[in-house]
Amino acid sequence: MMDLDNLFHKSELIPVIIQDGDTKDILMLGFTNKEAVELTLKTKTAWFWSRSRQKLWNKGESSGHFLHVKKVVTDCDTDTLLYVCTPEGPTCHTGARSCFFNTIWEEQP
């Protein structure tokens, strides 16, 4: 397993992309710190650092819609994480399956 200190040598917070392990859809983007990654690895549910509330949060702690983490991968620069998850219900706080549902532009055939 990778030394977690290597993930945070550029910044105390790094982005984490959440992907559905079955559909491969991107469900959300959050931010994490070392403590949140440690909690994620320990509990196998996704933990994040809330930049607005300035505190740790476990996705699903209030809604019951947990993200069960099946795999954790880093990018080539070791400054972004990908959590491959099995979502328990919708991921977005709006109730949508994914946080990515507002199309800005799409190429037409």
N, C-alpha and C. Protein backbone atom coordinates (compact mmCIF):
# COMPACT_ATOMS: atom_id res chain seq x y z
N MET A 1 0.84 -1.19 0.00
CA MET A 1 0.00 0.00 0.00
C MET A 1 0.88 1.25 0.00
N MET A 2 0.41 2.26 -0.65
CA MET A 2 1.14 3.52 -0.77
C MET A 2 1.18 4.28 0.56
N ASP A 3 2.28 4.96 0.81
CA ASP A 3 2.40 5.84 1.96
C ASP A 3 1.50 7.05 1.71
N LEU A 4 0.52 7.25 2.57
CA LEU A 4 -0.45 8.33 2.36
C LEU A 4 0.18 9.72 2.37
N ASP A 5 1.31 9.87 3.04
CA ASP A 5 1.99 11.17 3.04
C ASP A 5 2.36 11.60 1.62
N ASN A 6 2.63 10.62 0.74
CA ASN A 6 2.97 10.95 -0.65
C ASN A 6 1.81 11.60 -1.40
N LEU A 7 0.59 11.32 -0.98
CA LEU A 7 -0.58 11.92 -1.63
C LEU A 7 -0.71 13.41 -1.32
N PHE A 8 -0.22 13.80 -0.19
CA PHE A 8 -0.48 15.16 0.29
C PHE A 8 0.78 16.02 0.35
N HIS A 9 1.77 15.71 -0.48
CA HIS A 9 3.00 16.49 -0.47
C HIS A 9 2.83 17.84 -1.18
N LYS A 10 1.82 17.99 -2.03
CA LYS A 10 1.58 19.26 -2.72
C LYS A 10 0.53 20.12 -2.02
N SER A 11 -0.41 19.45 -1.37
CA SER A 11 -1.52 20.17 -0.75
C SER A 11 -2.13 19.32 0.35
N GLU A 12 -2.72 19.96 1.34
CA GLU A 12 -3.40 19.23 2.42
C GLU A 12 -4.72 18.65 1.95
N LEU A 13 -5.29 19.22 0.89
CA LEU A 13 -6.54 18.73 0.31
C LEU A 13 -6.30 18.33 -1.13
N ILE A 14 -6.87 17.20 -1.53
CA ILE A 14 -6.79 16.78 -2.93
C ILE A 14 -8.18 16.36 -3.39
N PRO A 15 -8.43 16.46 -4.70
CA PRO A 15 -9.73 16.02 -5.21
C PRO A 15 -9.84 14.51 -5.22
N VAL A 16 -11.08 14.04 -5.04
CA VAL A 16 -11.38 12.62 -5.16
C VAL A 16 -12.62 12.47 -6.03
N ILE A 17 -12.48 11.70 -7.09
CA ILE A 17 -13.56 11.43 -8.03
C ILE A 17 -14.25 10.15 -7.58
N ILE A 18 -15.57 10.17 -7.59
CA ILE A 18 -16.35 8.99 -7.21
C ILE A 18 -16.95 8.39 -8.48
N GLN A 19 -16.66 7.11 -8.72
CA GLN A 19 -17.15 6.40 -9.89
C GLN A 19 -17.96 5.18 -9.45
N ASP A 20 -19.08 4.96 -10.12
CA ASP A 20 -19.87 3.76 -9.88
C ASP A 20 -19.12 2.56 -10.45
N GLY A 21 -18.84 1.58 -9.64
CA GLY A 21 -18.07 0.42 -10.08
C GLY A 21 -18.77 -0.42 -11.11
N ASP A 22 -20.10 -0.42 -11.12
CA ASP A 22 -20.85 -1.22 -12.08
C ASP A 22 -21.05 -0.49 -13.41
N THR A 23 -21.55 0.73 -13.35
CA THR A 23 -21.89 1.47 -14.58
C THR A 23 -20.71 2.27 -15.13
N LYS A 24 -19.71 2.53 -14.30
CA LYS A 24 -18.55 3.38 -14.61
C LYS A 24 -18.91 4.86 -14.71
N ASP A 25 -20.15 5.23 -14.36
CA ASP A 25 -20.56 6.63 -14.35
C ASP A 25 -19.80 7.40 -13.27
N ILE A 26 -19.48 8.66 -13.55
CA ILE A 26 -18.91 9.54 -12.54
C ILE A 26 -20.06 10.09 -11.71
N LEU A 27 -19.98 9.91 -10.40
CA LEU A 27 -21.09 10.30 -9.54
C LEU A 27 -20.88 11.63 -8.83
N MET A 28 -19.66 11.92 -8.46
CA MET A 28 -19.41 13.19 -7.77
C MET A 28 -17.91 13.46 -7.71
N LEU A 29 -17.59 14.67 -7.31
CA LEU A 29 -16.22 15.09 -7.02
C LEU A 29 -16.24 15.71 -5.65
N GLY A 30 -15.31 15.30 -4.81
CA GLY A 30 -15.19 15.88 -3.49
C GLY A 30 -13.74 16.17 -3.19
N PHE A 31 -13.46 16.58 -1.98
CA PHE A 31 -12.09 16.83 -1.55
C PHE A 31 -11.81 15.99 -0.32
N THR A 32 -10.57 15.59 -0.20
CA THR A 32 -10.19 14.73 0.91
C THR A 32 -8.86 15.19 1.49
N ASN A 33 -8.66 14.85 2.75
CA ASN A 33 -7.37 15.06 3.39
C ASN A 33 -6.89 13.69 3.90
N LYS A 34 -5.74 13.68 4.51
CA LYS A 34 -5.16 12.40 4.94
C LYS A 34 -6.07 11.67 5.92
N GLU A 35 -6.64 12.39 6.88
CA GLU A 35 -7.51 11.76 7.86
C GLU A 35 -8.74 11.14 7.19
N ALA A 36 -9.32 11.84 6.23
CA ALA A 36 -10.50 11.31 5.52
C ALA A 36 -10.15 10.06 4.72
N VAL A 37 -8.97 10.03 4.11
CA VAL A 37 -8.54 8.83 3.38
C VAL A 37 -8.35 7.67 4.36
N GLU A 38 -7.73 7.94 5.49
CA GLU A 38 -7.53 6.89 6.49
C GLU A 38 -8.88 6.32 6.95
N LEU A 39 -9.86 7.20 7.18
CA LEU A 39 -11.19 6.74 7.59
C LEU A 39 -11.88 5.95 6.48
N THR A 40 -11.68 6.38 5.24
CA THR A 40 -12.24 5.66 4.09
C THR A 40 -11.68 4.25 4.03
N LEU A 41 -10.37 4.12 4.17
CA LEU A 41 -9.74 2.80 4.12
C LEU A 41 -10.16 1.92 5.29
N LYS A 42 -10.38 2.53 6.45
CA LYS A 42 -10.77 1.79 7.65
C LYS A 42 -12.23 1.33 7.57
N THR A 43 -13.13 2.23 7.14
CA THR A 43 -14.57 1.93 7.18
C THR A 43 -15.11 1.38 5.86
N LYS A 44 -14.34 1.54 4.78
CA LYS A 44 -14.76 1.14 3.42
C LYS A 44 -15.97 1.94 2.93
N THR A 45 -16.21 3.11 3.56
CA THR A 45 -17.20 4.07 3.05
C THR A 45 -16.47 5.38 2.82
N ALA A 46 -16.97 6.18 1.88
CA ALA A 46 -16.26 7.39 1.47
C ALA A 46 -16.40 8.52 2.48
N TRP A 47 -15.24 9.02 2.90
CA TRP A 47 -15.13 10.19 3.79
C TRP A 47 -14.51 11.32 3.00
N PHE A 48 -14.91 12.54 3.32
CA PHE A 48 -14.43 13.74 2.63
C PHE A 48 -14.14 14.83 3.64
N TRP A 49 -13.49 15.88 3.15
CA TRP A 49 -13.31 17.10 3.92
C TRP A 49 -14.23 18.14 3.31
N SER A 50 -15.14 18.67 4.11
CA SER A 50 -16.04 19.71 3.63
C SER A 50 -15.33 21.06 3.71
N ARG A 51 -15.11 21.66 2.55
CA ARG A 51 -14.44 22.97 2.54
C ARG A 51 -15.36 24.05 3.08
N SER A 52 -16.67 23.94 2.89
CA SER A 52 -17.59 24.96 3.38
C SER A 52 -17.82 24.86 4.89
N ARG A 53 -17.91 23.64 5.39
CA ARG A 53 -18.15 23.44 6.83
C ARG A 53 -16.88 23.26 7.63
N GLN A 54 -15.74 23.09 6.92
CA GLN A 54 -14.44 22.90 7.57
C GLN A 54 -14.47 21.73 8.56
N LYS A 55 -15.00 20.58 8.06
CA LYS A 55 -15.01 19.39 8.91
C LYS A 55 -15.09 18.14 8.04
N LEU A 56 -14.73 17.01 8.65
CA LEU A 56 -14.85 15.72 7.99
C LEU A 56 -16.31 15.34 7.88
N TRP A 57 -16.65 14.64 6.80
CA TRP A 57 -17.99 14.08 6.69
C TRP A 57 -17.97 12.76 5.95
N ASN A 58 -18.81 11.87 6.40
CA ASN A 58 -18.96 10.55 5.81
C ASN A 58 -20.20 10.61 4.92
N LYS A 59 -20.00 10.43 3.61
CA LYS A 59 -21.13 10.48 2.68
C LYS A 59 -22.15 9.44 3.08
N GLY A 60 -23.36 9.88 3.36
CA GLY A 60 -24.43 8.99 3.78
C GLY A 60 -24.75 9.08 5.26
N GLU A 61 -23.94 9.82 6.02
CA GLU A 61 -24.15 9.86 7.47
C GLU A 61 -25.52 10.43 7.83
N SER A 62 -26.04 11.36 7.03
CA SER A 62 -27.37 11.90 7.34
C SER A 62 -28.45 11.34 6.42
N SER A 63 -28.10 11.02 5.17
CA SER A 63 -29.09 10.55 4.20
C SER A 63 -29.25 9.04 4.18
N GLY A 64 -28.23 8.31 4.64
CA GLY A 64 -28.25 6.86 4.53
C GLY A 64 -27.75 6.37 3.18
N HIS A 65 -27.38 7.29 2.30
CA HIS A 65 -26.91 6.95 0.95
C HIS A 65 -25.38 6.86 0.94
N PHE A 66 -24.87 5.82 1.54
CA PHE A 66 -23.43 5.64 1.65
C PHE A 66 -22.81 5.25 0.31
N LEU A 67 -21.54 5.55 0.18
CA LEU A 67 -20.73 5.11 -0.95
C LEU A 67 -19.79 4.04 -0.42
N HIS A 68 -20.02 2.79 -0.81
CA HIS A 68 -19.20 1.68 -0.36
C HIS A 68 -18.00 1.56 -1.30
N VAL A 69 -16.83 1.83 -0.76
CA VAL A 69 -15.60 1.91 -1.56
C VAL A 69 -15.05 0.51 -1.81
N LYS A 70 -14.86 0.20 -3.10
CA LYS A 70 -14.35 -1.11 -3.51
C LYS A 70 -12.90 -1.04 -3.97
N LYS A 71 -12.46 0.14 -4.39
CA LYS A 71 -11.10 0.31 -4.91
C LYS A 71 -10.70 1.77 -4.79
N VAL A 72 -9.44 2.02 -4.46
CA VAL A 72 -8.89 3.38 -4.39
C VAL A 72 -7.67 3.43 -5.31
N VAL A 73 -7.67 4.39 -6.23
CA VAL A 73 -6.60 4.53 -7.22
C VAL A 73 -6.15 5.98 -7.23
N THR A 74 -4.87 6.20 -7.46
CA THR A 74 -4.36 7.56 -7.62
C THR A 74 -3.99 7.79 -9.08
N ASP A 75 -3.93 9.06 -9.45
CA ASP A 75 -3.54 9.39 -10.82
C ASP A 75 -2.01 9.38 -10.95
N CYS A 76 -1.53 9.63 -12.16
CA CYS A 76 -0.09 9.54 -12.45
C CYS A 76 0.73 10.58 -11.69
N ASP A 77 0.12 11.70 -11.31
CA ASP A 77 0.83 12.75 -10.57
C ASP A 77 0.71 12.59 -9.06
N THR A 78 -0.04 11.61 -8.63
CA THR A 78 -0.28 11.34 -7.22
C THR A 78 -0.85 12.56 -6.50
N ASP A 79 -1.83 13.22 -7.16
CA ASP A 79 -2.47 14.36 -6.51
C ASP A 79 -3.98 14.37 -6.69
N THR A 80 -4.53 13.26 -7.14
CA THR A 80 -5.97 13.08 -7.27
C THR A 80 -6.28 11.61 -7.00
N LEU A 81 -7.40 11.36 -6.34
CA LEU A 81 -7.82 9.99 -6.09
C LEU A 81 -9.08 9.66 -6.87
N LEU A 82 -9.26 8.38 -7.15
CA LEU A 82 -10.48 7.83 -7.73
C LEU A 82 -10.97 6.75 -6.78
N TYR A 83 -12.20 6.92 -6.30
CA TYR A 83 -12.83 5.88 -5.49
C TYR A 83 -13.84 5.17 -6.38
N VAL A 84 -13.65 3.88 -6.56
CA VAL A 84 -14.61 3.06 -7.29
C VAL A 84 -15.56 2.51 -6.23
N CYS A 85 -16.84 2.83 -6.37
CA CYS A 85 -17.80 2.58 -5.30
C CYS A 85 -19.05 1.85 -5.76
N THR A 86 -19.74 1.31 -4.78
CA THR A 86 -21.10 0.84 -4.96
C THR A 86 -21.97 1.81 -4.16
N PRO A 87 -22.76 2.64 -4.87
CA PRO A 87 -23.59 3.61 -4.15
C PRO A 87 -24.83 2.96 -3.54
N GLU A 88 -25.18 3.41 -2.37
CA GLU A 88 -26.39 2.95 -1.69
C GLU A 88 -27.41 4.08 -1.80
N GLY A 89 -28.10 4.12 -2.94
CA GLY A 89 -29.05 5.20 -3.20
C GLY A 89 -28.41 6.29 -4.02
N PRO A 90 -29.11 7.42 -4.19
CA PRO A 90 -28.57 8.52 -4.98
C PRO A 90 -27.34 9.14 -4.31
N THR A 91 -26.44 9.64 -5.14
CA THR A 91 -25.21 10.25 -4.61
C THR A 91 -25.38 11.74 -4.35
N CYS A 92 -26.07 12.44 -5.22
CA CYS A 92 -26.19 13.90 -5.11
C CYS A 92 -27.14 14.30 -3.97
N HIS A 93 -26.81 15.40 -3.31
CA HIS A 93 -27.66 15.91 -2.22
C HIS A 93 -29.03 16.35 -2.73
N THR A 94 -29.17 16.53 -4.07
CA THR A 94 -30.47 16.91 -4.65
C THR A 94 -31.39 15.71 -4.81
N GLY A 95 -30.84 14.51 -4.61
CA GLY A 95 -31.61 13.29 -4.82
C GLY A 95 -31.34 12.65 -6.17
N ALA A 96 -30.53 13.31 -6.99
CA ALA A 96 -30.16 12.75 -8.30
C ALA A 96 -29.12 11.64 -8.10
N ARG A 97 -29.11 10.71 -9.01
CA ARG A 97 -28.16 9.59 -8.95
C ARG A 97 -26.72 10.07 -8.95
N SER A 98 -26.43 11.09 -9.79
CA SER A 98 -25.09 11.66 -9.93
C SER A 98 -25.18 13.17 -9.73
N CYS A 99 -24.09 13.78 -9.32
CA CYS A 99 -24.04 15.24 -9.22
C CYS A 99 -23.87 15.90 -10.58
N PHE A 100 -23.57 15.11 -11.60
CA PHE A 100 -23.32 15.63 -12.94
C PHE A 100 -24.53 15.41 -13.83
N PHE A 101 -25.44 16.40 -13.84
CA PHE A 101 -26.64 16.27 -14.66
C PHE A 101 -27.03 17.57 -15.38
N ASN A 102 -26.26 18.62 -15.22
CA ASN A 102 -26.54 19.89 -15.90
C ASN A 102 -25.66 20.02 -17.14
N THR A 103 -26.21 19.69 -18.30
CA THR A 103 -25.44 19.76 -19.54
C THR A 103 -25.24 21.22 -19.95
N ILE A 104 -24.00 21.60 -20.16
CA ILE A 104 -23.66 22.93 -20.63
C ILE A 104 -23.55 22.94 -22.14
N TRP A 105 -22.97 21.90 -22.69
CA TRP A 105 -22.78 21.81 -24.15
C TRP A 105 -22.66 20.35 -24.52
N GLU A 106 -23.18 20.03 -25.70
CA GLU A 106 -23.05 18.67 -26.21
C GLU A 106 -22.97 18.74 -27.73
N GLU A 107 -22.00 18.06 -28.29
CA GLU A 107 -21.85 18.04 -29.75
C GLU A 107 -23.05 17.34 -30.38
N GLN A 108 -23.60 17.94 -31.40
CA GLN A 108 -24.73 17.36 -32.11
C GLN A 108 -24.23 16.59 -33.32
N PRO A 109 -24.86 15.44 -33.62
CA PRO A 109 -24.40 14.62 -34.76
C PRO A 109 -24.62 15.32 -36.10
